[in-house]
């Protein structure tokens, strides 16, 4: 059970109610996030940009998000994003390897392994090592590198919100949020 009550659309301030009512999936994460009234719209805007407007390939984005979920022990984030990853074309062998923490698995291409190492170091060490950064820069554009870093940071923040407030897991919403972000 969640440590805080969820924001109810009916009793929320008008600006928050409008945002909650427009969401294509009424997920608990959003109802918890809505407590931060002044940050709610910007958070949704950043999440929307990450999910629907990045140059970074959707498959790579989802590999990064699932890696963050594993490293953050964020089950909610994992469950919601497995369905999105599958829809983006991530095969089950890669999802299973990520769940086991095997980012050097042959299930991943050399490029994917590089990006997963890069994301892992950003999560665990804040700063990717020079060699890892150079490897990432060899396979990603500067824009994509920054998008990976922003994706890592956003989903680390979401994981901490989910885990600290103990947001209740509901069935995966599938791609509703991603589809609406395009």
Protein backbone atom coordinates (compact mmCIF):
# COMPACT_ATOMS: atom_id res chain seq x y z
CA UNK A 1 0.00 0.00 0.00
CA UNK A 2 1.28 3.45 -0.90
CA UNK A 3 2.81 5.54 1.85
CA UNK A 4 0.90 8.64 0.69
CA UNK A 5 -2.64 8.89 -0.62
CA UNK A 6 -3.04 9.24 -4.36
CA UNK A 7 -4.30 12.56 -5.70
CA UNK A 8 -7.94 12.19 -6.66
CA UNK A 9 -8.88 14.04 -9.82
CA UNK A 10 -12.22 15.09 -8.36
CA UNK A 11 -10.66 16.95 -5.42
CA UNK A 12 -7.46 18.13 -7.15
CA UNK A 13 -6.81 21.79 -7.93
CA UNK A 14 -8.14 22.69 -11.41
CA UNK A 15 -4.76 22.68 -13.18
CA UNK A 16 -3.86 19.27 -11.73
CA UNK A 17 -7.35 17.88 -12.45
CA UNK A 18 -7.08 18.99 -16.08
CA UNK A 19 -3.75 17.17 -16.50
CA UNK A 20 -4.91 14.01 -14.73
CA UNK A 21 -8.10 13.89 -16.78
CA UNK A 22 -6.18 14.24 -20.06
CA UNK A 23 -3.83 11.34 -19.37
CA UNK A 24 -4.50 8.35 -21.64
CA UNK A 25 -3.74 5.97 -18.76
CA UNK A 26 -4.70 6.81 -15.18
CA UNK A 27 -1.61 5.28 -13.61
CA UNK A 28 -0.80 5.47 -9.93
CA UNK A 29 2.59 7.00 -10.70
CA UNK A 30 0.88 10.07 -12.13
CA UNK A 31 -1.58 10.28 -9.26
CA UNK A 32 1.37 10.26 -6.86
CA UNK A 33 3.41 12.71 -8.93
CA UNK A 34 0.43 15.10 -8.91
CA UNK A 35 1.15 15.97 -5.26
CA UNK A 36 3.91 18.21 -6.61
CA UNK A 37 1.43 20.64 -8.16
CA UNK A 38 3.91 23.12 -9.59
CA UNK A 39 6.23 20.42 -10.94
CA UNK A 40 3.52 18.13 -12.31
CA UNK A 41 3.10 19.77 -15.74
CA UNK A 42 6.87 20.15 -16.34
CA UNK A 43 7.46 16.54 -15.28
CA UNK A 44 4.81 15.30 -17.68
CA UNK A 45 6.29 17.50 -20.39
CA UNK A 46 9.77 16.07 -19.91
CA UNK A 47 8.44 12.52 -19.80
CA UNK A 48 6.48 13.16 -22.99
CA UNK A 49 9.55 14.56 -24.72
CA UNK A 50 11.61 11.54 -23.68
CA UNK A 51 9.00 9.01 -24.77
CA UNK A 52 7.90 10.60 -28.00
CA UNK A 53 10.21 13.26 -29.32
CA UNK A 54 13.79 12.14 -28.95
CA UNK A 55 16.18 11.40 -31.78
CA UNK A 56 17.34 8.39 -29.75
CA UNK A 57 15.85 5.20 -31.16
CA UNK A 58 12.86 3.94 -29.14
CA UNK A 59 14.45 0.49 -28.72
CA UNK A 60 17.59 2.02 -27.23
CA UNK A 61 15.52 4.32 -25.02
CA UNK A 62 13.63 1.36 -23.62
CA UNK A 63 16.82 -0.64 -23.04
CA UNK A 64 18.14 2.33 -21.06
CA UNK A 65 14.91 2.69 -19.06
CA UNK A 66 14.82 -1.01 -18.22
CA UNK A 67 18.48 -0.83 -17.14
CA UNK A 68 17.65 2.07 -14.83
CA UNK A 69 14.68 0.11 -13.43
CA UNK A 70 16.90 -2.88 -12.64
CA UNK A 71 19.66 -0.79 -11.07
CA UNK A 72 17.06 1.12 -9.03
CA UNK A 73 15.14 -1.99 -7.96
CA UNK A 74 12.03 -0.27 -9.33
CA UNK A 75 9.58 -3.06 -10.07
CA UNK A 76 6.77 -0.67 -11.08
CA UNK A 77 8.99 1.03 -13.65
CA UNK A 78 10.13 -2.38 -14.92
CA UNK A 79 6.61 -3.78 -15.35
CA UNK A 80 5.28 -0.69 -17.11
CA UNK A 81 8.24 -0.46 -19.48
CA UNK A 82 8.55 -4.13 -20.46
CA UNK A 83 5.33 -3.79 -22.48
CA UNK A 84 6.59 -0.56 -24.05
CA UNK A 85 9.96 -2.15 -24.82
CA UNK A 86 8.30 -5.09 -26.55
CA UNK A 87 6.17 -2.71 -28.63
CA UNK A 88 9.35 -0.84 -29.58
CA UNK A 89 10.85 -4.09 -30.86
CA UNK A 90 13.01 -5.19 -27.92
CA UNK A 91 13.12 -9.01 -28.04
CA UNK A 92 12.40 -11.14 -25.00
CA UNK A 93 15.99 -12.41 -24.93
CA UNK A 94 17.20 -8.85 -24.29
CA UNK A 95 14.51 -8.19 -21.68
CA UNK A 96 15.48 -11.40 -19.87
CA UNK A 97 19.19 -10.52 -20.04
CA UNK A 98 18.47 -7.08 -18.58
CA UNK A 99 16.40 -8.58 -15.79
CA UNK A 100 19.36 -10.81 -14.90
CA UNK A 101 21.74 -7.83 -15.08
CA UNK A 102 23.64 -9.33 -18.02
CA UNK A 103 24.36 -6.25 -20.12
CA UNK A 104 27.34 -7.93 -21.79
CA UNK A 105 25.09 -10.72 -23.10
CA UNK A 106 25.37 -11.77 -26.73
CA UNK A 107 21.65 -10.91 -26.94
CA UNK A 108 22.80 -7.30 -27.39
CA UNK A 109 24.69 -5.85 -30.32
CA UNK A 110 28.07 -4.22 -29.60
CA UNK A 111 26.38 -0.81 -29.94
CA UNK A 112 23.66 -1.77 -27.44
CA UNK A 113 26.25 -3.10 -24.97
CA UNK A 114 28.13 0.20 -25.22
CA UNK A 115 24.98 2.21 -24.51
CA UNK A 116 24.02 -0.06 -21.60
CA UNK A 117 27.51 0.30 -20.08
CA UNK A 118 27.25 4.07 -20.53
CA UNK A 119 23.82 4.21 -18.88
CA UNK A 120 24.97 1.93 -16.06
CA UNK A 121 27.93 4.16 -15.24
CA UNK A 122 25.77 7.28 -15.27
CA UNK A 123 23.38 5.61 -12.82
CA UNK A 124 26.00 4.07 -10.55
CA UNK A 125 28.88 6.53 -10.73
CA UNK A 126 27.17 9.76 -11.88
CA UNK A 127 29.91 10.26 -14.47
CA UNK A 128 30.69 7.77 -17.21
CA UNK A 129 34.37 6.87 -17.45
CA UNK A 130 36.32 8.58 -20.23
CA UNK A 131 36.70 5.34 -22.18
CA UNK A 132 33.00 4.53 -21.89
CA UNK A 133 32.09 8.07 -22.94
CA UNK A 134 34.40 7.81 -25.97
CA UNK A 135 32.82 4.46 -26.89
CA UNK A 136 29.34 6.00 -26.64
CA UNK A 137 30.41 9.02 -28.67
CA UNK A 138 31.56 6.66 -31.41
CA UNK A 139 28.04 5.19 -31.80
CA UNK A 140 25.77 8.07 -30.78
CA UNK A 141 25.44 11.69 -31.86
CA UNK A 142 25.98 14.42 -29.24
CA UNK A 143 22.21 14.89 -29.14
CA UNK A 144 21.65 11.17 -28.50
CA UNK A 145 24.27 11.14 -25.72
CA UNK A 146 22.49 13.98 -23.95
CA UNK A 147 19.13 12.24 -24.52
CA UNK A 148 20.48 9.05 -22.92
CA UNK A 149 21.70 11.05 -19.90
CA UNK A 150 18.35 12.85 -19.57
CA UNK A 151 16.48 9.55 -19.89
CA UNK A 152 18.63 8.01 -17.17
CA UNK A 153 18.11 10.99 -14.89
CA UNK A 154 14.36 11.19 -15.42
CA UNK A 155 13.79 7.50 -14.83
CA UNK A 156 16.10 7.49 -11.79
CA UNK A 157 13.92 10.26 -10.35
CA UNK A 158 10.71 8.39 -11.19
CA UNK A 159 12.13 5.19 -9.66
CA UNK A 160 12.91 7.01 -6.44
CA UNK A 161 9.42 8.50 -6.32
CA UNK A 162 7.87 5.07 -6.95
CA UNK A 163 9.97 3.22 -4.42
CA UNK A 164 10.01 5.83 -1.65
CA UNK A 165 6.26 6.36 -1.74
CA UNK A 166 5.62 2.65 -2.41
CA UNK A 167 3.33 3.27 -5.37
CA UNK A 168 0.99 0.33 -5.91
CA UNK A 169 1.67 -1.63 -9.06
CA UNK A 170 -1.23 -1.95 -11.45
CA UNK A 171 -1.34 -3.95 -14.70
CA UNK A 172 0.90 -2.62 -17.45
CA UNK A 173 -0.74 0.18 -19.43
CA UNK A 174 0.99 -0.84 -22.63
CA UNK A 175 1.84 1.89 -25.08
CA UNK A 176 -1.00 4.33 -24.30
CA UNK A 177 1.30 6.94 -22.77
CA UNK A 178 3.93 6.59 -25.52
CA UNK A 179 1.32 6.75 -28.27
CA UNK A 180 -0.15 9.92 -26.80
CA UNK A 181 3.29 11.54 -26.55
CA UNK A 182 3.90 11.56 -30.28
